[in-house]
Amino acid sequence: MSSILQRLQNAKPTLQIAFSTSSANLNAYRASLGKIRREKYIKEYETIIMYADGSTAPARTKEPRHFIQFPVNLSSLSEDDRRQRLAARKPKAKKIKQEIIDDNFDLNQYTSMFNKRKTS
């Protein structure tokens, strides 16, 4: 038995690869069946955060979002800006379009199309 081990140790590198005892790279994604059982996911998405003063900063979030804008503090705005922002939040009144029906149809204009022509 020891002679077999000595031969394997002295063998060429190609045989050592065949008898390697290193384990496979096992992690949470090793199986295609079942679910990922990690509480924290490795993948996080790059997102841009915009603050109320207009400055931006990069961040990583769990959900895929491109842009996050923080709300503006209405108490810090001027009176005109506050009124404009509050007016933009209110629902807009829907305009009702009325169809105009044209009843001026004259059949005499189309009588030439209905007359059958005699073929000789």
Protein backbone atom coordinates (compact mmCIF):
# COMPACT_ATOMS: atom_id res chain seq x y z
CA MET A 1 0.00 0.00 0.00
CA SER A 2 2.78 2.42 0.82
CA SER A 3 4.45 1.64 -2.50
CA ILE A 4 1.34 2.84 -4.32
CA LEU A 5 1.40 6.11 -2.38
CA GLN A 6 5.09 6.59 -3.10
CA ARG A 7 4.49 6.00 -6.79
CA LEU A 8 1.64 8.52 -6.79
CA GLN A 9 3.80 11.12 -5.06
CA ASN A 10 6.60 10.61 -7.57
CA ALA A 11 4.22 10.50 -10.53
CA LYS A 12 4.01 13.13 -13.22
CA PRO A 13 1.90 16.26 -12.53
CA THR A 14 -0.86 15.02 -14.86
CA LEU A 15 -1.51 12.06 -12.58
CA GLN A 16 -1.48 14.25 -9.49
CA ILE A 17 -4.28 16.34 -10.96
CA ALA A 18 -6.35 13.22 -11.52
CA PHE A 19 -5.99 12.19 -7.88
CA SER A 20 -6.40 15.64 -6.38
CA THR A 21 -8.11 15.73 -3.01
CA SER A 22 -9.13 19.40 -3.14
CA SER A 23 -12.85 19.91 -2.78
CA ALA A 24 -14.97 21.75 -5.29
CA ASN A 25 -15.72 25.42 -4.70
CA LEU A 26 -18.89 25.01 -2.64
CA ASN A 27 -21.01 28.04 -1.86
CA ALA A 28 -24.67 29.05 -1.78
CA TYR A 29 -24.97 28.94 -5.60
CA ARG A 30 -23.58 25.43 -6.14
CA ALA A 31 -26.91 23.72 -6.83
CA SER A 32 -29.41 24.58 -9.52
CA LEU A 33 -32.21 22.93 -7.55
CA GLY A 34 -33.79 24.58 -4.56
CA LYS A 35 -33.42 28.11 -3.32
CA ILE A 36 -30.47 30.20 -2.20
CA ARG A 37 -30.32 29.91 1.56
CA ARG A 38 -28.33 33.03 2.32
CA GLU A 39 -29.84 35.78 4.38
CA LYS A 40 -27.56 38.39 2.83
CA TYR A 41 -27.23 38.31 -0.92
CA ILE A 42 -23.89 39.15 -2.46
CA LYS A 43 -25.38 40.96 -5.44
CA GLU A 44 -26.29 44.56 -4.74
CA TYR A 45 -27.26 47.11 -7.35
CA GLU A 46 -25.64 50.49 -7.92
CA THR A 47 -28.09 53.32 -7.34
CA ILE A 48 -27.82 57.10 -7.42
CA ILE A 49 -29.34 58.95 -4.46
CA MET A 50 -30.42 62.58 -4.93
CA TYR A 51 -30.80 64.71 -1.83
CA ALA A 52 -33.24 67.59 -1.40
CA ASP A 53 -30.53 70.20 -2.06
CA GLY A 54 -29.76 68.63 -5.48
CA SER A 55 -26.51 66.85 -4.60
CA THR A 56 -26.09 63.19 -5.56
CA ALA A 57 -24.23 60.23 -4.07
CA PRO A 58 -23.74 56.62 -5.20
CA ALA A 59 -25.14 53.80 -3.05
CA ARG A 60 -25.81 50.06 -3.22
CA THR A 61 -29.33 48.73 -2.77
CA LYS A 62 -30.91 45.28 -2.70
CA GLU A 63 -33.58 46.20 -5.26
CA PRO A 64 -32.57 47.16 -8.81
CA ARG A 65 -33.31 50.88 -8.93
CA HIS A 66 -31.60 53.45 -11.08
CA PHE A 67 -32.40 56.58 -9.11
CA ILE A 68 -33.77 57.48 -5.65
CA GLN A 69 -34.87 61.02 -4.82
CA PHE A 70 -35.47 62.04 -1.23
CA PRO A 71 -38.55 64.18 -0.55
CA VAL A 72 -38.25 67.93 -0.06
CA ASN A 73 -39.04 69.42 3.35
CA LEU A 74 -41.99 71.73 2.59
CA SER A 75 -41.43 73.81 5.73
CA SER A 76 -38.02 74.92 4.41
CA LEU A 77 -39.42 76.19 1.07
CA SER A 78 -40.66 79.67 0.26
CA GLU A 79 -44.40 80.28 0.15
CA ASP A 80 -44.55 80.34 -3.69
CA ASP A 81 -42.56 77.13 -4.07
CA ARG A 82 -44.72 75.42 -1.43
CA ARG A 83 -47.93 76.37 -3.28
CA GLN A 84 -46.54 75.12 -6.60
CA ARG A 85 -45.48 71.76 -5.13
CA LEU A 86 -48.81 71.24 -3.35
CA ALA A 87 -50.71 72.15 -6.53
CA ALA A 88 -48.65 69.59 -8.51
CA ARG A 89 -49.67 66.85 -6.05
CA LYS A 90 -53.40 67.41 -6.52
CA PRO A 91 -55.12 65.28 -9.17
CA LYS A 92 -55.73 67.04 -12.44
CA ALA A 93 -59.29 67.48 -13.73
CA LYS A 94 -59.94 65.33 -16.77
CA LYS A 95 -61.11 67.14 -19.88
CA ILE A 96 -64.08 65.54 -21.59
CA LYS A 97 -63.88 65.53 -25.37
CA GLN A 98 -67.18 65.81 -27.19
CA GLU A 99 -67.42 64.27 -30.62
CA ILE A 100 -68.96 66.39 -33.33
CA ILE A 101 -71.23 64.31 -35.55
CA ASP A 102 -71.60 65.62 -39.08
CA ASP A 103 -75.14 64.94 -40.39
CA ASN A 104 -74.71 66.67 -43.73
CA PHE A 105 -74.63 63.51 -45.82
CA ASP A 106 -75.97 63.94 -49.37
CA LEU A 107 -76.78 60.71 -51.19
CA ASN A 108 -77.05 62.48 -54.58
CA GLN A 109 -73.27 62.94 -54.62
CA TYR A 110 -72.77 59.16 -54.70
CA THR A 111 -75.58 58.07 -57.08
CA SER A 112 -73.16 57.79 -59.99
CA MET A 113 -71.36 54.99 -58.17
CA PHE A 114 -74.52 52.94 -57.75
CA ASN A 115 -75.73 53.09 -61.36
CA LYS A 116 -74.95 49.95 -63.27
CA ARG A 117 -73.29 50.45 -66.59
CA LYS A 118 -74.52 48.55 -69.56
CA THR A 119 -71.96 46.38 -71.26
CA SER A 120 -72.32 45.95 -75.01
